[in-house]
Structure formats: C-alpha cells, structure tokens
Amino acid sequence: MAHPQTKPADRYTYGDYLGWPEGERWELIEGVPYDMTPAPSRRHQAIQVALAGQVYAYLEGRPCELYLAPFDVRLPSSNEADEEVETVVQPDLVVVCDAAKLDDRGCRGAPDWVIEILSPSTAARDHMEKRALYEKHGVREYWLVHPTDGVVMVYRRGEGGRYGAPAVYSAEHQVPVGIFEDFTVDLKRVFAGA
C-alpha cells in the first residue's frame, strides 16, 4: 500500500492505512491523512492517565469499556468493508458501551464518549473537524481538554442529534458525565499532577 508521504494527493482508506509502517501514528478524516507524531507531551500524558484512572474506576463491573490512544476508531460512512472506510481516528480516551462495535482492530462505529486532550499541532482539528465528525457519526458526548488553561469543554448530543453549545468547566469543577447519571470527573485531580 502507498505511504501517505509518497502517494499522490487523493483519498486514502483503512486498507491503505493498514499497510503503513508500524511505529508511525496516523489518522484519516474522510480520506485525508494526518500525521500524529511527535508523541504527546508529558503534561498531555499526565492528564490522560488521571482521566483514565477516574473513568476506569467508575466503569469497573459495568458493561462499558475504556480504551486509550493509540486505539483505532473506524467511522464508516455506510456499510462499506473495513478496507474501504475513509475515516480512522485515535482519540486520547474512548468509552464504548456496545460490545458489538469492538473487535481486534479497535472500534467500528461511534463510541459513546470521546475525550481529546489538545496539543498545539492538533487543537484546531480537534475543535473543528473532529467535533463535526463525532457529531455526524453519533458520538453521544465529546470532551475537549485544554491542558494549558485547565479548561474542559463538553459537547453533548441534544435535539436532532446535534451538539449544543459546549458546557465549559475549570480545574475547580466536578464535571457530570452526561452518559452516566451517577458519575462526575474531578478536574482538580485531573490537572493537579500536570
């Protein structure tokens, strides 16, 4: 398969993606490749671990599962075969409550909850392209974590399946998780070690 740095500028698929060298991290958004290197910063990693710890503890014994990047989420446009899927993303954290969406390659279809921790190289894409992508594919809740500012923006699906204006929380807040009635994330603990 052609590597994204050598193939002419056209659309790529998950079939192409599977042939790219191991050790490189890429995402495909509607056939367009995005290089996910370099590795995230130490601060980004600390926030990811703190979030994952709280989410994992809550989910223990429940049917939903938590996965951390790199973890492929394939978002087909219809019923095309995996190799023809043109959107494959690697969110920082994903929660999947429908086991039928999980396989050895990752997740096929929309996770229930996606968290992206912003990095300078991905912030604009996470705010605009990915927000629109997750809304389109039916992700129920989408969080954008701003490591530098200690702010979290939370998008939830509302009427007609669209995201409303985001709820914005600071590092002092307990954030209610909309897909679970009895779970809040303590942002003080998330940002403390970062």
N, C-alpha and C. Protein backbone atom coordinates (compact mmCIF):
# COMPACT_ATOMS: atom_id res chain seq x y z
N MET A 1 0.84 -1.18 0.00
CA MET A 1 0.00 0.00 0.00
C MET A 1 0.88 1.24 0.00
N ALA A 2 0.40 2.28 -0.63
CA ALA A 2 1.17 3.51 -0.70
C ALA A 2 1.21 4.22 0.64
N HIS A 3 2.37 4.73 0.98
CA HIS A 3 2.55 5.51 2.20
C HIS A 3 2.02 6.91 1.93
N PRO A 4 1.41 7.59 2.93
CA PRO A 4 0.81 8.89 2.67
C PRO A 4 1.80 9.96 2.23
N GLN A 5 3.09 9.75 2.48
CA GLN A 5 4.06 10.74 2.03
C GLN A 5 4.56 10.46 0.61
N THR A 6 4.13 9.34 0.01
CA THR A 6 4.59 9.02 -1.34
C THR A 6 3.47 8.93 -2.36
N LYS A 7 2.23 8.75 -1.90
CA LYS A 7 1.10 8.61 -2.82
C LYS A 7 0.63 9.99 -3.27
N PRO A 8 0.19 10.11 -4.52
CA PRO A 8 -0.34 11.39 -4.96
C PRO A 8 -1.53 11.82 -4.08
N ALA A 9 -1.81 13.09 -4.09
CA ALA A 9 -2.86 13.66 -3.23
C ALA A 9 -4.24 13.20 -3.66
N ASP A 10 -4.65 12.06 -3.16
CA ASP A 10 -6.02 11.61 -3.36
C ASP A 10 -6.50 10.99 -2.06
N ARG A 11 -7.63 10.33 -2.07
CA ARG A 11 -8.21 9.82 -0.84
C ARG A 11 -7.60 8.47 -0.45
N TYR A 12 -7.41 8.31 0.85
CA TYR A 12 -6.88 7.08 1.41
C TYR A 12 -8.00 6.33 2.13
N THR A 13 -7.76 5.04 2.35
CA THR A 13 -8.72 4.21 3.05
C THR A 13 -8.02 3.48 4.19
N TYR A 14 -8.82 2.81 5.00
CA TYR A 14 -8.27 1.99 6.08
C TYR A 14 -7.38 0.89 5.50
N GLY A 15 -7.70 0.40 4.31
CA GLY A 15 -6.85 -0.58 3.65
C GLY A 15 -5.45 -0.04 3.40
N ASP A 16 -5.34 1.22 2.95
CA ASP A 16 -4.03 1.87 2.79
C ASP A 16 -3.33 1.99 4.15
N TYR A 17 -4.07 2.49 5.10
CA TYR A 17 -3.58 2.74 6.45
C TYR A 17 -2.96 1.50 7.08
N LEU A 18 -3.57 0.35 6.86
CA LEU A 18 -3.05 -0.89 7.43
C LEU A 18 -1.68 -1.26 6.89
N GLY A 19 -1.33 -0.75 5.72
CA GLY A 19 -0.04 -1.05 5.12
C GLY A 19 1.06 -0.06 5.45
N TRP A 20 0.75 0.99 6.21
CA TRP A 20 1.76 1.97 6.55
C TRP A 20 2.67 1.44 7.65
N PRO A 21 3.91 1.92 7.72
CA PRO A 21 4.89 1.37 8.66
C PRO A 21 4.43 1.42 10.11
N GLU A 22 4.70 0.34 10.84
CA GLU A 22 4.42 0.33 12.27
C GLU A 22 5.32 1.36 12.94
N GLY A 23 4.85 1.89 14.03
CA GLY A 23 5.63 2.90 14.73
C GLY A 23 5.26 4.31 14.32
N GLU A 24 4.52 4.45 13.24
CA GLU A 24 4.02 5.76 12.83
C GLU A 24 2.55 5.82 13.22
N ARG A 25 2.11 7.00 13.70
CA ARG A 25 0.71 7.17 14.07
C ARG A 25 0.05 8.13 13.09
N TRP A 26 -1.04 7.66 12.50
CA TRP A 26 -1.79 8.46 11.54
C TRP A 26 -3.26 8.40 11.87
N GLU A 27 -3.99 9.42 11.43
CA GLU A 27 -5.45 9.40 11.43
C GLU A 27 -5.89 9.71 10.02
N LEU A 28 -7.05 9.20 9.66
CA LEU A 28 -7.68 9.52 8.38
C LEU A 28 -9.01 10.19 8.68
N ILE A 29 -9.22 11.35 8.10
CA ILE A 29 -10.52 12.02 8.23
C ILE A 29 -11.05 12.25 6.83
N GLU A 30 -12.07 11.46 6.51
CA GLU A 30 -12.69 11.48 5.18
C GLU A 30 -11.64 11.37 4.08
N GLY A 31 -10.73 10.40 4.27
CA GLY A 31 -9.74 10.08 3.26
C GLY A 31 -8.47 10.90 3.30
N VAL A 32 -8.38 11.91 4.17
CA VAL A 32 -7.20 12.77 4.26
C VAL A 32 -6.35 12.32 5.45
N PRO A 33 -5.05 12.01 5.22
CA PRO A 33 -4.20 11.55 6.32
C PRO A 33 -3.63 12.71 7.14
N TYR A 34 -3.53 12.47 8.45
CA TYR A 34 -2.93 13.43 9.38
C TYR A 34 -1.90 12.69 10.21
N ASP A 35 -0.67 13.18 10.20
CA ASP A 35 0.43 12.58 10.96
C ASP A 35 0.24 12.93 12.44
N MET A 36 0.28 11.92 13.31
CA MET A 36 0.06 12.13 14.74
C MET A 36 1.36 12.16 15.53
N THR A 37 2.48 12.33 14.87
CA THR A 37 3.75 12.43 15.58
C THR A 37 4.15 13.89 15.65
N PRO A 38 4.89 14.32 16.60
CA PRO A 38 5.58 13.56 17.62
C PRO A 38 4.62 13.08 18.71
N ALA A 39 5.15 12.30 19.64
CA ALA A 39 4.36 11.80 20.76
C ALA A 39 3.86 12.98 21.59
N PRO A 40 2.73 12.81 22.28
CA PRO A 40 2.21 13.88 23.12
C PRO A 40 3.19 14.26 24.23
N SER A 41 3.01 15.48 24.76
CA SER A 41 3.88 15.99 25.82
C SER A 41 3.66 15.24 27.13
N ARG A 42 4.56 15.45 28.06
CA ARG A 42 4.44 14.84 29.38
C ARG A 42 3.16 15.31 30.07
N ARG A 43 2.84 16.59 29.95
CA ARG A 43 1.62 17.14 30.56
C ARG A 43 0.38 16.45 29.98
N HIS A 44 0.37 16.31 28.67
CA HIS A 44 -0.74 15.63 27.99
C HIS A 44 -0.90 14.22 28.54
N GLN A 45 0.21 13.51 28.68
CA GLN A 45 0.19 12.13 29.18
C GLN A 45 -0.31 12.08 30.62
N ALA A 46 0.12 13.02 31.46
CA ALA A 46 -0.30 13.05 32.86
C ALA A 46 -1.81 13.26 32.97
N ILE A 47 -2.35 14.13 32.15
CA ILE A 47 -3.80 14.38 32.14
C ILE A 47 -4.54 13.14 31.65
N GLN A 48 -4.01 12.51 30.62
CA GLN A 48 -4.64 11.30 30.09
C GLN A 48 -4.70 10.20 31.16
N VAL A 49 -3.63 10.00 31.88
CA VAL A 49 -3.58 8.97 32.93
C VAL A 49 -4.56 9.31 34.06
N ALA A 50 -4.60 10.59 34.47
CA ALA A 50 -5.50 10.99 35.55
C ALA A 50 -6.97 10.81 35.15
N LEU A 51 -7.31 11.18 33.93
CA LEU A 51 -8.68 10.96 33.44
C LEU A 51 -8.99 9.47 33.37
N ALA A 52 -8.07 8.72 32.80
CA ALA A 52 -8.29 7.29 32.64
C ALA A 52 -8.49 6.61 33.99
N GLY A 53 -7.75 7.02 35.00
CA GLY A 53 -7.89 6.42 36.32
C GLY A 53 -9.30 6.58 36.88
N GLN A 54 -9.85 7.80 36.76
CA GLN A 54 -11.20 8.04 37.27
C GLN A 54 -12.25 7.28 36.46
N VAL A 55 -12.09 7.30 35.14
CA VAL A 55 -13.07 6.63 34.28
C VAL A 55 -13.01 5.12 34.49
N TYR A 56 -11.80 4.57 34.53
CA TYR A 56 -11.64 3.13 34.72
C TYR A 56 -12.26 2.67 36.03
N ALA A 57 -12.01 3.42 37.11
CA ALA A 57 -12.55 3.05 38.42
C ALA A 57 -14.08 3.05 38.39
N TYR A 58 -14.67 4.03 37.72
CA TYR A 58 -16.13 4.09 37.63
C TYR A 58 -16.69 2.92 36.82
N LEU A 59 -16.04 2.59 35.72
CA LEU A 59 -16.56 1.57 34.81
C LEU A 59 -16.38 0.14 35.31
N GLU A 60 -15.56 -0.06 36.32
CA GLU A 60 -15.32 -1.43 36.79
C GLU A 60 -16.65 -2.10 37.18
N GLY A 61 -16.89 -3.26 36.58
CA GLY A 61 -18.11 -4.01 36.82
C GLY A 61 -19.30 -3.56 36.00
N ARG A 62 -19.09 -2.57 35.11
CA ARG A 62 -20.16 -2.09 34.25
C ARG A 62 -19.88 -2.57 32.82
N PRO A 63 -20.90 -2.55 31.95
CA PRO A 63 -20.71 -3.11 30.61
C PRO A 63 -19.89 -2.25 29.64
N CYS A 64 -19.64 -1.00 29.95
CA CYS A 64 -18.87 -0.14 29.04
C CYS A 64 -17.37 -0.36 29.23
N GLU A 65 -16.60 -0.09 28.17
CA GLU A 65 -15.15 -0.29 28.24
C GLU A 65 -14.41 0.98 27.85
N LEU A 66 -13.27 1.21 28.50
CA LEU A 66 -12.40 2.35 28.25
C LEU A 66 -11.19 1.91 27.45
N TYR A 67 -10.81 2.72 26.44
CA TYR A 67 -9.60 2.48 25.66
C TYR A 67 -8.83 3.78 25.52
N LEU A 68 -7.50 3.67 25.46
CA LEU A 68 -6.62 4.83 25.33
C LEU A 68 -5.86 4.76 24.01
N ALA A 69 -5.51 5.93 23.48
CA ALA A 69 -4.72 6.00 22.26
C ALA A 69 -3.36 5.37 22.50
N PRO A 70 -2.81 4.70 21.48
CA PRO A 70 -3.39 4.51 20.14
C PRO A 70 -4.41 3.37 20.11
N PHE A 71 -5.61 3.69 19.68
CA PHE A 71 -6.71 2.75 19.56
C PHE A 71 -7.54 3.22 18.38
N ASP A 72 -7.63 2.38 17.34
CA ASP A 72 -8.31 2.78 16.11
C ASP A 72 -9.82 2.78 16.25
N VAL A 73 -10.42 3.90 15.91
CA VAL A 73 -11.88 4.02 15.83
C VAL A 73 -12.21 4.25 14.36
N ARG A 74 -12.84 3.24 13.75
CA ARG A 74 -13.22 3.33 12.34
C ARG A 74 -14.65 3.87 12.26
N LEU A 75 -14.82 4.90 11.46
CA LEU A 75 -16.12 5.53 11.32
C LEU A 75 -16.59 5.41 9.87
N PRO A 76 -17.25 4.30 9.54
CA PRO A 76 -17.70 4.11 8.16
C PRO A 76 -18.80 5.11 7.79
N SER A 77 -18.88 5.44 6.51
CA SER A 77 -19.95 6.35 6.07
C SER A 77 -21.25 5.59 5.84
N SER A 78 -21.15 4.28 5.59
CA SER A 78 -22.35 3.45 5.44
C SER A 78 -21.96 2.02 5.85
N ASN A 79 -22.23 1.05 5.01
CA ASN A 79 -21.90 -0.34 5.34
C ASN A 79 -20.68 -0.86 4.59
N GLU A 80 -19.78 0.02 4.16
CA GLU A 80 -18.62 -0.42 3.40
C GLU A 80 -17.72 -1.34 4.22
N ALA A 81 -16.97 -2.17 3.51
CA ALA A 81 -16.00 -3.06 4.15
C ALA A 81 -14.95 -2.22 4.87
N ASP A 82 -14.34 -2.80 5.91
CA ASP A 82 -13.32 -2.08 6.67
C ASP A 82 -12.26 -1.44 5.77
N GLU A 83 -11.76 -2.20 4.83
CA GLU A 83 -10.67 -1.70 3.98
C GLU A 83 -11.07 -0.48 3.17
N GLU A 84 -12.38 -0.22 3.01
CA GLU A 84 -12.86 0.93 2.25
C GLU A 84 -13.22 2.13 3.13
N VAL A 85 -13.19 1.97 4.45
CA VAL A 85 -13.51 3.06 5.36
C VAL A 85 -12.49 4.18 5.19
N GLU A 86 -12.96 5.43 5.10
CA GLU A 86 -12.07 6.57 4.88
C GLU A 86 -11.82 7.41 6.13
N THR A 87 -12.39 7.02 7.26
CA THR A 87 -12.16 7.77 8.49
C THR A 87 -11.76 6.82 9.61
N VAL A 88 -10.55 7.02 10.12
CA VAL A 88 -9.99 6.25 11.23
C VAL A 88 -9.31 7.25 12.15
N VAL A 89 -9.80 7.35 13.38
CA VAL A 89 -9.23 8.31 14.32
C VAL A 89 -8.70 7.56 15.55
N GLN A 90 -7.85 8.24 16.30
CA GLN A 90 -7.27 7.69 17.52
C GLN A 90 -7.45 8.68 18.66
N PRO A 91 -8.68 8.77 19.20
CA PRO A 91 -8.91 9.70 20.31
C PRO A 91 -8.05 9.33 21.51
N ASP A 92 -7.80 10.32 22.37
CA ASP A 92 -6.99 10.06 23.56
C ASP A 92 -7.67 9.06 24.49
N LEU A 93 -8.98 9.20 24.71
CA LEU A 93 -9.75 8.25 25.50
C LEU A 93 -11.08 8.01 24.81
N VAL A 94 -11.54 6.78 24.81
CA VAL A 94 -12.87 6.46 24.28
C VAL A 94 -13.56 5.48 25.23
N VAL A 95 -14.87 5.66 25.34
CA VAL A 95 -15.68 4.73 26.10
C VAL A 95 -16.71 4.15 25.13
N VAL A 96 -16.75 2.82 25.08
CA VAL A 96 -17.66 2.10 24.18
C VAL A 96 -18.57 1.23 25.05
N CYS A 97 -19.88 1.42 24.88
CA CYS A 97 -20.85 0.66 25.68
C CYS A 97 -21.54 -0.44 24.89
N ASP A 98 -21.30 -0.50 23.59
CA ASP A 98 -21.88 -1.54 22.74
C ASP A 98 -20.76 -2.49 22.31
N ALA A 99 -20.70 -3.66 22.95
CA ALA A 99 -19.62 -4.62 22.69
C ALA A 99 -19.59 -5.08 21.24
N ALA A 100 -20.71 -5.00 20.54
CA ALA A 100 -20.76 -5.41 19.13
C ALA A 100 -19.90 -4.51 18.24
N LYS A 101 -19.55 -3.33 18.70
CA LYS A 101 -18.71 -2.42 17.93
C LYS A 101 -17.21 -2.72 18.07
N LEU A 102 -16.85 -3.58 19.02
CA LEU A 102 -15.45 -3.86 19.32
C LEU A 102 -14.97 -5.11 18.62
N ASP A 103 -13.75 -5.05 18.09
CA ASP A 103 -13.10 -6.21 17.50
C ASP A 103 -11.60 -6.08 17.74
N ASP A 104 -10.82 -6.99 17.20
CA ASP A 104 -9.38 -6.96 17.43
C ASP A 104 -8.69 -5.74 16.82
N ARG A 105 -9.33 -5.09 15.87
CA ARG A 105 -8.76 -3.90 15.25
C ARG A 105 -9.10 -2.63 16.02
N GLY A 106 -10.05 -2.68 16.93
CA GLY A 106 -10.45 -1.50 17.69
C GLY A 106 -11.96 -1.40 17.75
N CYS A 107 -12.47 -0.26 17.32
CA CYS A 107 -13.91 0.01 17.36
C CYS A 107 -14.38 0.37 15.96
N ARG A 108 -15.51 -0.22 15.55
CA ARG A 108 -16.12 0.15 14.28
C ARG A 108 -17.47 0.77 14.61
N GLY A 109 -17.58 2.06 14.38
CA GLY A 109 -18.78 2.80 14.72
C GLY A 109 -18.47 3.79 15.84
N ALA A 110 -19.45 4.62 16.15
CA ALA A 110 -19.23 5.70 17.11
C ALA A 110 -19.12 5.20 18.55
N PRO A 111 -18.05 5.58 19.26
CA PRO A 111 -18.02 5.33 20.69
C PRO A 111 -19.10 6.18 21.36
N ASP A 112 -19.38 5.88 22.61
CA ASP A 112 -20.37 6.67 23.35
C ASP A 112 -19.77 7.98 23.86
N TRP A 113 -18.50 7.94 24.23
CA TRP A 113 -17.84 9.11 24.83
C TRP A 113 -16.43 9.18 24.29
N VAL A 114 -16.05 10.37 23.81
CA VAL A 114 -14.69 10.60 23.30
C VAL A 114 -14.10 11.79 24.05
N ILE A 115 -12.84 11.63 24.47
CA ILE A 115 -12.10 12.73 25.09
C ILE A 115 -10.84 12.96 24.28
N GLU A 116 -10.65 14.20 23.85
CA GLU A 116 -9.43 14.62 23.17
C GLU A 116 -8.71 15.62 24.06
N ILE A 117 -7.42 15.41 24.29
CA ILE A 117 -6.58 16.32 25.04
C ILE A 117 -5.81 17.13 24.01
N LEU A 118 -5.99 18.43 24.02
CA LEU A 118 -5.43 19.27 22.97
C LEU A 118 -3.92 19.37 23.03
N SER A 119 -3.32 19.31 21.85
CA SER A 119 -1.91 19.57 21.64
C SER A 119 -1.83 20.70 20.63
N PRO A 120 -0.76 21.49 20.65
CA PRO A 120 -0.67 22.59 19.68
C PRO A 120 -0.86 22.14 18.24
N SER A 121 -0.35 20.97 17.88
CA SER A 121 -0.43 20.51 16.49
C SER A 121 -1.80 19.98 16.10
N THR A 122 -2.67 19.67 17.09
CA THR A 122 -3.98 19.09 16.76
C THR A 122 -5.16 19.92 17.23
N ALA A 123 -4.93 21.03 17.92
CA ALA A 123 -6.02 21.78 18.56
C ALA A 123 -7.09 22.22 17.56
N ALA A 124 -6.70 22.82 16.46
CA ALA A 124 -7.71 23.30 15.50
C ALA A 124 -8.51 22.14 14.93
N ARG A 125 -7.85 21.04 14.59
CA ARG A 125 -8.55 19.88 14.04
C ARG A 125 -9.51 19.28 15.07
N ASP A 126 -9.08 19.21 16.34
CA ASP A 126 -9.94 18.67 17.38
C ASP A 126 -11.17 19.56 17.61
N HIS A 127 -10.97 20.86 17.57
CA HIS A 127 -12.07 21.80 17.78
C HIS A 127 -13.08 21.80 16.63
N MET A 128 -12.59 21.73 15.42
CA MET A 128 -13.49 21.91 14.28
C MET A 128 -13.81 20.61 13.57
N GLU A 129 -12.80 20.01 12.92
CA GLU A 129 -13.07 18.82 12.11
C GLU A 129 -13.57 17.64 12.94
N LYS A 130 -12.90 17.37 14.04
CA LYS A 130 -13.30 16.20 14.82
C LYS A 130 -14.63 16.43 15.53
N ARG A 131 -14.87 17.63 16.01
CA ARG A 131 -16.17 17.90 16.63
C ARG A 131 -17.28 17.63 15.63
N ALA A 132 -17.15 18.14 14.41
CA ALA A 132 -18.15 17.90 13.38
C ALA A 132 -18.24 16.42 13.02
N LEU A 133 -17.11 15.75 12.96
CA LEU A 133 -17.07 14.32 12.64
C LEU A 133 -17.78 13.50 13.71
N TYR A 134 -17.48 13.76 14.97
CA TYR A 134 -18.10 13.00 16.06
C TYR A 134 -19.60 13.27 16.13
N GLU A 135 -20.00 14.49 15.90
CA GLU A 135 -21.42 14.82 15.87
C GLU A 135 -22.12 14.06 14.74
N LYS A 136 -21.53 14.09 13.57
CA LYS A 136 -22.10 13.42 12.38
C LYS A 136 -22.27 11.91 12.61
N HIS A 137 -21.30 11.29 13.27
CA HIS A 137 -21.32 9.84 13.44
C HIS A 137 -22.05 9.37 14.70
N GLY A 138 -22.50 10.29 15.53
CA GLY A 138 -23.34 9.91 16.67
C GLY A 138 -22.65 9.70 17.99
N VAL A 139 -21.45 10.26 18.18
CA VAL A 139 -20.80 10.20 19.49
C VAL A 139 -21.66 11.00 20.46
N ARG A 140 -22.08 10.36 21.54
CA ARG A 140 -23.03 10.99 22.46
C ARG A 140 -22.43 12.12 23.28
N GLU A 141 -21.15 12.00 23.62
CA GLU A 141 -20.51 13.04 24.43
C GLU A 141 -19.07 13.20 23.98
N TYR A 142 -18.65 14.47 23.81
CA TYR A 142 -17.31 14.78 23.32
C TYR A 142 -16.70 15.84 24.23
N TRP A 143 -15.55 15.50 24.83
CA TRP A 143 -14.85 16.43 25.71
C TRP A 143 -13.56 16.88 25.04
N LEU A 144 -13.30 18.19 25.13
CA LEU A 144 -12.04 18.78 24.70
C LEU A 144 -11.34 19.31 25.94
N VAL A 145 -10.16 18.77 26.23
CA VAL A 145 -9.42 19.16 27.42
C VAL A 145 -8.28 20.09 27.00
N HIS A 146 -8.24 21.27 27.60
CA HIS A 146 -7.21 22.27 27.33
C HIS A 146 -6.17 22.20 28.45
N PRO A 147 -5.05 21.51 28.23
CA PRO A 147 -4.07 21.30 29.31
C PRO A 147 -3.47 22.59 29.87
N THR A 148 -3.17 23.54 29.02
CA THR A 148 -2.51 24.78 29.46
C THR A 148 -3.44 25.64 30.29
N ASP A 149 -4.71 25.74 29.87
CA ASP A 149 -5.66 26.61 30.54
C ASP A 149 -6.40 25.92 31.69
N GLY A 150 -6.31 24.60 31.78
CA GLY A 150 -7.06 23.89 32.81
C GLY A 150 -8.56 24.00 32.60
N VAL A 151 -8.96 23.90 31.35
CA VAL A 151 -10.38 24.05 30.98
C VAL A 151 -10.82 22.82 30.20
N VAL A 152 -12.08 22.41 30.43
CA VAL A 152 -12.68 21.31 29.67
C VAL A 152 -13.98 21.81 29.04
N MET A 153 -14.11 21.57 27.74
CA MET A 153 -15.35 21.91 27.01
C MET A 153 -16.08 20.60 26.75
N VAL A 154 -17.36 20.55 27.10
CA VAL A 154 -18.15 19.33 26.99
C VAL A 154 -19.29 19.54 26.00
N TYR A 155 -19.29 18.74 24.94
CA TYR A 155 -20.38 18.74 23.96
C TYR A 155 -21.24 17.51 24.20
N ARG A 156 -22.55 17.72 24.22
CA ARG A 156 -23.49 16.60 24.37
C ARG A 156 -24.52 16.67 23.27
N ARG A 157 -24.93 15.49 22.78
CA ARG A 157 -25.96 15.44 21.75
C ARG A 157 -27.29 15.87 22.33
N GLY A 158 -27.97 16.72 21.59
CA GLY A 158 -29.27 17.20 22.03
C GLY A 158 -30.33 16.87 21.00
N GLU A 159 -31.30 17.76 20.87
CA GLU A 159 -32.39 17.60 19.91
C GLU A 159 -31.83 17.40 18.50
N GLY A 160 -32.38 16.44 17.80
CA GLY A 160 -31.96 16.19 16.43
C GLY A 160 -30.57 15.60 16.31
N GLY A 161 -29.99 15.16 17.43
CA GLY A 161 -28.67 14.53 17.38
C GLY A 161 -27.53 15.50 17.22
N ARG A 162 -27.77 16.79 17.38
CA ARG A 162 -26.72 17.80 17.21
C ARG A 162 -26.13 18.17 18.56
N TYR A 163 -24.87 18.61 18.53
CA TYR A 163 -24.25 19.14 19.74
C TYR A 163 -24.75 20.56 19.95
N GLY A 164 -25.08 20.88 21.17
CA GLY A 164 -25.40 22.26 21.51
C GLY A 164 -24.12 23.01 21.81
N ALA A 165 -24.28 24.21 22.37
CA ALA A 165 -23.11 24.98 22.81
C ALA A 165 -22.42 24.17 23.90
N PRO A 166 -21.10 24.23 23.95
CA PRO A 166 -20.40 23.42 24.96
C PRO A 166 -20.60 24.00 26.37
N ALA A 167 -20.65 23.10 27.34
CA ALA A 167 -20.54 23.49 28.74
C ALA A 167 -19.04 23.60 29.01
N VAL A 168 -18.64 24.64 29.73
CA VAL A 168 -17.22 24.88 29.97
C VAL A 168 -16.95 24.80 31.48
N TYR A 169 -15.91 24.03 31.82
CA TYR A 169 -15.57 23.80 33.22
C TYR A 169 -14.09 24.14 33.44
N SER A 170 -13.79 24.63 34.65
CA SER A 170 -12.40 24.92 35.01
C SER A 170 -11.86 23.82 35.92
N ALA A 171 -10.61 23.96 36.27
CA ALA A 171 -9.92 22.96 37.08
C ALA A 171 -10.51 22.80 38.48
N GLU A 172 -11.40 23.67 38.89
CA GLU A 172 -12.01 23.58 40.23
C GLU A 172 -13.31 22.78 40.21
N HIS A 173 -13.79 22.38 39.05
CA HIS A 173 -15.12 21.77 38.93
C HIS A 173 -15.12 20.25 39.03
N GLN A 174 -16.29 19.75 39.40
CA GLN A 174 -16.66 18.34 39.25
C GLN A 174 -17.54 18.33 38.00
N VAL A 175 -17.16 17.60 36.97
CA VAL A 175 -17.90 17.61 35.72
C VAL A 175 -18.83 16.39 35.64
N PRO A 176 -20.14 16.64 35.52
CA PRO A 176 -21.05 15.50 35.36
C PRO A 176 -20.86 14.87 33.98
N VAL A 177 -20.84 13.55 33.94
CA VAL A 177 -20.73 12.83 32.68
C VAL A 177 -22.16 12.54 32.21
N GLY A 178 -22.54 13.10 31.09
CA GLY A 178 -23.92 13.03 30.63
C GLY A 178 -24.41 11.64 30.29
N ILE A 179 -23.51 10.74 29.89
CA ILE A 179 -23.97 9.40 29.51
C ILE A 179 -24.14 8.48 30.72
N PHE A 180 -23.70 8.95 31.90
CA PHE A 180 -23.87 8.19 33.14
C PHE A 180 -24.48 9.12 34.19
N GLU A 181 -25.58 8.71 34.78
CA GLU A 181 -26.29 9.58 35.72
C GLU A 181 -25.56 9.81 37.03
N ASP A 182 -24.70 8.89 37.42
CA ASP A 182 -24.10 8.95 38.76
C ASP A 182 -22.58 9.10 38.75
N PHE A 183 -22.03 9.76 37.73
CA PHE A 183 -20.58 9.87 37.63
C PHE A 183 -20.17 11.30 37.33
N THR A 184 -19.23 11.80 38.11
CA THR A 184 -18.61 13.09 37.84
C THR A 184 -17.10 12.91 37.82
N VAL A 185 -16.43 13.73 37.03
CA VAL A 185 -14.97 13.70 36.95
C VAL A 185 -14.46 14.91 37.73
N ASP A 186 -13.53 14.66 38.65
CA ASP A 186 -12.93 15.69 39.49
C ASP A 186 -11.75 16.31 38.73
N LEU A 187 -11.97 17.51 38.20
CA LEU A 187 -10.91 18.15 37.40
C LEU A 187 -9.73 18.60 38.24
N LYS A 188 -9.95 18.86 39.51
CA LYS A 188 -8.82 19.21 40.37
C LYS A 188 -7.80 18.09 40.37
N ARG A 189 -8.28 16.86 40.47
CA ARG A 189 -7.39 15.69 40.43
C ARG A 189 -6.77 15.49 39.04
N VAL A 190 -7.52 15.82 37.99
CA VAL A 190 -7.01 15.66 36.62
C VAL A 190 -5.83 16.60 36.37
N PHE A 191 -5.98 17.87 36.77
CA PHE A 191 -4.96 18.86 36.46
C PHE A 191 -3.86 18.98 37.52
N ALA A 192 -4.05 18.37 38.69
CA ALA A 192 -3.10 18.51 39.79
C ALA A 192 -1.69 18.02 39.43
N GLY A 193 -1.59 16.86 38.83
CA GLY A 193 -0.27 16.30 38.53
C GLY A 193 0.34 16.81 37.24
N ALA A 194 -0.45 17.55 36.49
CA ALA A 194 0.04 18.04 35.21
C ALA A 194 0.66 19.40 35.32
